[in-house]
C-alpha atoms as a PDB file:
ATOM      1  CA  MET A   1      89.236-155.217   0.493  1.00  0.00           C
ATOM      2  CA  LEU A   2      86.553-152.938   2.019  1.00  0.00           C
ATOM      3  CA  ARG A   3      87.167-150.409   3.681  1.00  0.00           C
ATOM      4  CA  LEU A   4      86.040-147.280   5.781  1.00  0.00           C
ATOM      5  CA  SER A   5      86.956-144.118   3.700  1.00  0.00           C
ATOM      6  CA  ARG A   6      88.210-140.943   5.676  1.00  0.00           C
ATOM      7  CA  LYS A   7      85.156-139.041   3.712  1.00  0.00           C
ATOM      8  CA  THR A   8      82.632-141.793   5.001  1.00  0.00           C
ATOM      9  CA  MET A   9      84.150-141.927   8.681  1.00  0.00           C
ATOM     10  CA  LEU A  10      84.174-138.097   8.998  1.00  0.00           C
ATOM     11  CA  ALA A  11      80.884-137.623   7.419  1.00  0.00           C
ATOM     12  CA  LEU A  12      79.956-140.213  10.304  1.00  0.00           C
ATOM     13  CA  GLU A  13      81.834-137.677  13.169  1.00  0.00           C
ATOM     14  CA  ALA A  14      80.066-134.908  11.725  1.00  0.00           C
ATOM     15  CA  VAL A  15      76.370-136.303  12.317  1.00  0.00           C
ATOM     16  CA  LEU A  16      77.346-137.892  15.611  1.00  0.00           C
ATOM     17  CA  ASP A  17      78.714-134.904  16.884  1.00  0.00           C
ATOM     18  CA  VAL A  18      76.000-132.994  16.149  1.00  0.00           C
ATOM     19  CA  ALA A  19      73.419-135.726  17.257  1.00  0.00           C
ATOM     20  CA  TYR A  20      75.005-135.673  20.748  1.00  0.00           C
ATOM     21  CA  ASN A  21      75.719-132.082  21.500  1.00  0.00           C
ATOM     22  CA  ALA A  22      72.330-129.954  19.822  1.00  0.00           C
ATOM     23  CA  ARG A  23      70.694-129.932  22.650  1.00  0.00           C
ATOM     24  CA  PRO A  24      69.194-127.170  23.048  1.00  0.00           C
ATOM     25  CA  ASP A  25      70.753-125.687  20.298  1.00  0.00           C
ATOM     26  CA  PRO A  26      72.180-125.297  17.225  1.00  0.00           C
ATOM     27  CA  VAL A  27      76.289-126.785  16.908  1.00  0.00           C
ATOM     28  CA  GLN A  28      78.252-125.129  14.969  1.00  0.00           C
ATOM     29  CA  SER A  29      80.647-126.265  12.613  1.00  0.00           C
ATOM     30  CA  LYS A  30      83.790-124.343  14.015  1.00  0.00           C
ATOM     31  CA  ASP A  31      82.680-126.476  17.561  1.00  0.00           C
ATOM     32  CA  ILE A  32      82.786-129.434  14.985  1.00  0.00           C
ATOM     33  CA  THR A  33      86.326-129.081  13.368  1.00  0.00           C
ATOM     34  CA  ALA A  34      87.307-127.960  16.565  1.00  0.00           C
ATOM     35  CA  ARG A  35      86.741-131.237  17.956  1.00  0.00           C
ATOM     36  CA  GLN A  36      86.601-133.452  15.382  1.00  0.00           C
ATOM     37  CA  GLY A  37      89.704-132.142  13.693  1.00  0.00           C
ATOM     38  CA  ILE A  38      87.774-132.775  10.470  1.00  0.00           C
ATOM     39  CA  PRO A  39      88.813-129.688   8.317  1.00  0.00           C
ATOM     40  CA  GLN A  40      86.492-126.868   7.641  1.00  0.00           C
ATOM     41  CA  ARG A  41      86.840-126.618   4.096  1.00  0.00           C
ATOM     42  CA  TYR A  42      85.689-129.738   4.104  1.00  0.00           C
ATOM     43  CA  LEU A  43      83.311-130.086   6.625  1.00  0.00           C
ATOM     44  CA  GLU A  44      81.422-127.179   5.208  1.00  0.00           C
ATOM     45  CA  GLN A  45      80.315-129.494   2.424  1.00  0.00           C
ATOM     46  CA  VAL A  46      79.528-132.543   3.304  1.00  0.00           C
ATOM     47  CA  MET A  47      77.353-130.716   5.907  1.00  0.00           C
ATOM     48  CA  GLN A  48      75.178-129.279   2.980  1.00  0.00           C
ATOM     49  CA  GLN A  49      74.925-132.683   1.609  1.00  0.00           C
ATOM     50  CA  LEU A  50      73.961-133.988   4.527  1.00  0.00           C
ATOM     51  CA  VAL A  51      71.275-130.885   4.967  1.00  0.00           C
ATOM     52  CA  HIS A  52      70.186-131.343   1.206  1.00  0.00           C
ATOM     53  CA  HIS A  53      69.609-135.224   1.520  1.00  0.00           C
ATOM     54  CA  GLY A  54      67.463-134.630   4.803  1.00  0.00           C
ATOM     55  CA  VAL A  55      69.769-136.051   7.727  1.00  0.00           C
ATOM     56  CA  LEU A  56      70.639-132.422   8.853  1.00  0.00           C
ATOM     57  CA  LYS A  57      69.250-129.662   8.773  1.00  0.00           C
ATOM     58  CA  GLY A  58      71.383-126.323   8.359  1.00  0.00           C
ATOM     59  CA  VAL A  59      69.875-123.609  10.476  1.00  0.00           C
ATOM     60  CA  ARG A  60      70.921-119.374   9.864  1.00  0.00           C
ATOM     61  CA  GLY A  61      72.024-116.523  11.897  1.00  0.00           C
ATOM     62  CA  PRO A  62      74.467-115.904  14.626  1.00  0.00           C
ATOM     63  CA  LYS A  63      73.351-118.602  17.068  1.00  0.00           C
ATOM     64  CA  GLY A  64      73.038-120.327  13.575  1.00  0.00           C
ATOM     65  CA  GLY A  65      74.628-123.990  13.373  1.00  0.00           C
ATOM     66  CA  TYR A  66      73.364-127.549  12.311  1.00  0.00           C
ATOM     67  CA  THR A  67      70.416-129.845  13.656  1.00  0.00           C
ATOM     68  CA  LEU A  68      69.485-133.296  13.056  1.00  0.00           C
ATOM     69  CA  ALA A  69      66.527-133.482  10.218  1.00  0.00           C
ATOM     70  CA  ARG A  70      64.841-136.147  12.368  1.00  0.00           C
ATOM     71  CA  GLU A  71      65.113-137.545  15.890  1.00  0.00           C
ATOM     72  CA  ARG A  72      68.403-138.732  16.851  1.00  0.00           C
ATOM     73  CA  ARG A  73      66.912-142.451  16.955  1.00  0.00           C
ATOM     74  CA  ARG A  74      65.741-142.220  13.638  1.00  0.00           C
ATOM     75  CA  ILE A  75      68.401-141.571  11.604  1.00  0.00           C
ATOM     76  CA  THR A  76      71.447-144.909  11.391  1.00  0.00           C
ATOM     77  CA  VAL A  77      74.748-145.443   9.925  1.00  0.00           C
ATOM     78  CA  GLY A  78      73.894-146.388   6.845  1.00  0.00           C
ATOM     79  CA  ASP A  79      71.882-142.691   5.929  1.00  0.00           C
ATOM     80  CA  VAL A  80      74.805-140.784   6.595  1.00  0.00           C
ATOM     81  CA  VAL A  81      77.011-144.020   3.848  1.00  0.00           C
ATOM     82  CA  ARG A  82      75.092-143.367   1.818  1.00  0.00           C
ATOM     83  CA  VAL A  83      74.952-139.595   1.285  1.00  0.00           C
ATOM     84  CA  VAL A  84      78.504-139.711   1.088  1.00  0.00           C
ATOM     85  CA  ASP A  85      78.145-142.519  -1.543  1.00  0.00           C
ATOM     86  CA  LYS A  86      75.923-140.398  -3.988  1.00  0.00           C
ATOM     87  CA  VAL A  87      78.082-137.863  -3.571  1.00  0.00           C
ATOM     88  CA  ASP A  88      81.063-139.831  -4.359  1.00  0.00           C
ATOM     89  CA  ALA A  89      79.142-141.356  -7.629  1.00  0.00           C
ATOM     90  CA  ALA A  90      78.341-137.880  -8.747  1.00  0.00           C
ATOM     91  CA  ALA A  91      82.143-137.105  -9.443  1.00  0.00           C
ATOM     92  CA  GLU A  92      82.627-140.984 -10.916  1.00  0.00           C
ATOM     93  CA  ASP A  93      82.745-141.124 -14.394  1.00  0.00           C
ATOM     94  CA  SER A  94      80.083-143.392 -15.677  1.00  0.00           C
ATOM     95  CA  GLU A  95      82.269-146.544 -16.557  1.00  0.00           C
ATOM     96  CA  PRO A  96      81.543-149.901 -15.351  1.00  0.00           C
ATOM     97  CA  VAL A  97      84.624-150.827 -13.637  1.00  0.00           C
ATOM     98  CA  SER A  98      84.898-153.866 -15.824  1.00  0.00           C
ATOM     99  CA  GLN A  99      84.421-154.399 -18.817  1.00  0.00           C
ATOM    100  CA  ALA A 100      85.134-158.366 -19.547  1.00  0.00           C
ATOM    101  CA  GLU A 101      81.952-160.844 -18.571  1.00  0.00           C
ATOM    102  CA  LEU A 102      83.236-162.882 -15.756  1.00  0.00           C
ATOM    103  CA  GLY A 103      83.276-159.372 -13.349  1.00  0.00           C
ATOM    104  CA  GLU A 104      80.044-157.677 -14.448  1.00  0.00           C
ATOM    105  CA  LYS A 105      78.284-161.041 -14.186  1.00  0.00           C
ATOM    106  CA  VAL A 106      79.586-162.829 -11.327  1.00  0.00           C
ATOM    107  CA  VAL A 107      82.427-160.268  -9.158  1.00  0.00           C
ATOM    108  CA  ALA A 108      79.827-156.623  -9.553  1.00  0.00           C
ATOM    109  CA  PRO A 109      76.361-159.135  -7.990  1.00  0.00           C
ATOM    110  CA  LEU A 110      79.374-160.418  -5.253  1.00  0.00           C
ATOM    111  CA  TRP A 111      79.739-156.910  -4.494  1.00  0.00           C
ATOM    112  CA  SER A 112      77.076-155.673  -4.486  1.00  0.00           C
ATOM    113  CA  GLU A 113      75.750-158.194  -2.426  1.00  0.00           C
ATOM    114  CA  THR A 114      78.544-157.212   0.197  1.00  0.00           C
ATOM    115  CA  ARG A 115      77.507-154.157   0.250  1.00  0.00           C
ATOM    116  CA  ASP A 116      73.383-154.049   0.240  1.00  0.00           C
ATOM    117  CA  ALA A 117      74.339-156.646   3.760  1.00  0.00           C
ATOM    118  CA  ILE A 118      76.855-154.183   5.232  1.00  0.00           C
ATOM    119  CA  LEU A 119      74.435-151.611   4.732  1.00  0.00           C
ATOM    120  CA  GLU A 120      71.580-153.675   6.603  1.00  0.00           C
ATOM    121  CA  ARG A 121      73.341-154.233   9.161  1.00  0.00           C
ATOM    122  CA  LEU A 122      74.617-149.951   9.141  1.00  0.00           C
ATOM    123  CA  ASP A 123      70.566-149.193   9.071  1.00  0.00           C
ATOM    124  CA  GLN A 124      70.271-150.834  12.488  1.00  0.00           C
ATOM    125  CA  ILE A 125      72.316-148.506  14.126  1.00  0.00           C
ATOM    126  CA  SER A 126      71.125-145.047  14.891  1.00  0.00           C
ATOM    127  CA  MET A 127      72.615-142.005  15.743  1.00  0.00           C
ATOM    128  CA  GLU A 128      70.712-142.796  19.181  1.00  0.00           C
ATOM    129  CA  ASP A 129      72.502-146.563  19.762  1.00  0.00           C
ATOM    130  CA  LEU A 130      75.866-143.994  19.207  1.00  0.00           C
ATOM    131  CA  CYS A 131      74.979-141.536  21.426  1.00  0.00           C
ATOM    132  CA  ARG A 132      74.393-144.507  23.812  1.00  0.00           C
ATOM    133  CA  GLN A 133      77.764-145.828  23.531  1.00  0.00           C
ATOM    134  CA  ALA A 134      79.630-142.597  23.546  1.00  0.00           C
ATOM    135  CA  ARG A 135      77.968-141.286  27.572  1.00  0.00           C
ATOM    136  CA  GLU A 136      78.806-145.078  28.263  1.00  0.00           C
ATOM    137  CA  LEU A 137      82.279-144.578  27.361  1.00  0.00           C
ATOM    138  CA  GLY A 138      82.040-141.146  29.536  1.00  0.00           C
ATOM    139  CA  ILE A 139      82.489-138.749  25.994  1.00  0.00           C
ATOM    140  CA  ALA A 140      82.215-135.365  27.335  1.00  0.00           C
ATOM    141  CA  HIS A 141      79.388-133.139  25.035  1.00  0.00           C
ATOM    142  CA  GLY A 142      81.095-130.466  23.774  1.00  0.00           C
ATOM    143  CA  GLY A 143      78.234-127.959  25.069  1.00  0.00           C
ATOM    144  CA  LYS A 144      75.245-127.518  27.665  1.00  0.00           C
ATOM    145  CA  MET A 145      72.942-130.031  28.456  1.00  0.00           C
ATOM    146  CA  LYS A 146      69.717-130.245  29.222  1.00  0.00           C
ATOM    147  CA  PRO A 147      67.885-132.878  29.919  1.00  0.00           C
ATOM    148  CA  ASP A 148      66.298-134.621  27.159  1.00  0.00           C
ATOM    149  CA  PHE A 149      62.999-135.524  27.570  1.00  0.00           C
ATOM    150  CA  SER A 150      61.824-137.678  24.144  1.00  0.00           C
ATOM    151  CA  ILE A 151      60.942-140.886  23.757  1.00  0.00           C
END
């Protein structure tokens, strides 16, 4: 059964928190931890991977934290899911899931096609879309908001 892993969910929450709260200053990891309940130790690891893969930018210094590496409308849910998948794949062994011919030639391609279809759908949902939904639901921002004149 396909399921949303805890690691993927936490990464999505962290990126969405940055997208929703990063204006005008970067979002500090301690603030994300407080708002989302993400363990600090895990958060720093996932944030560094998101920085390394070009989803976020790290800003150093006392007022440092994280900002989006691109505009909200240019970062998709699929981008974040792929980063977590890459990190997870690197941690797993490289042995194939199945050694059987049916698994290799029938089940694995089916699973791959299904995964590709899901990622294609997730690529259609931007952080801007999720921020808009959060605003419509009345979810409060974590910091001061200044007018956003970006188009």
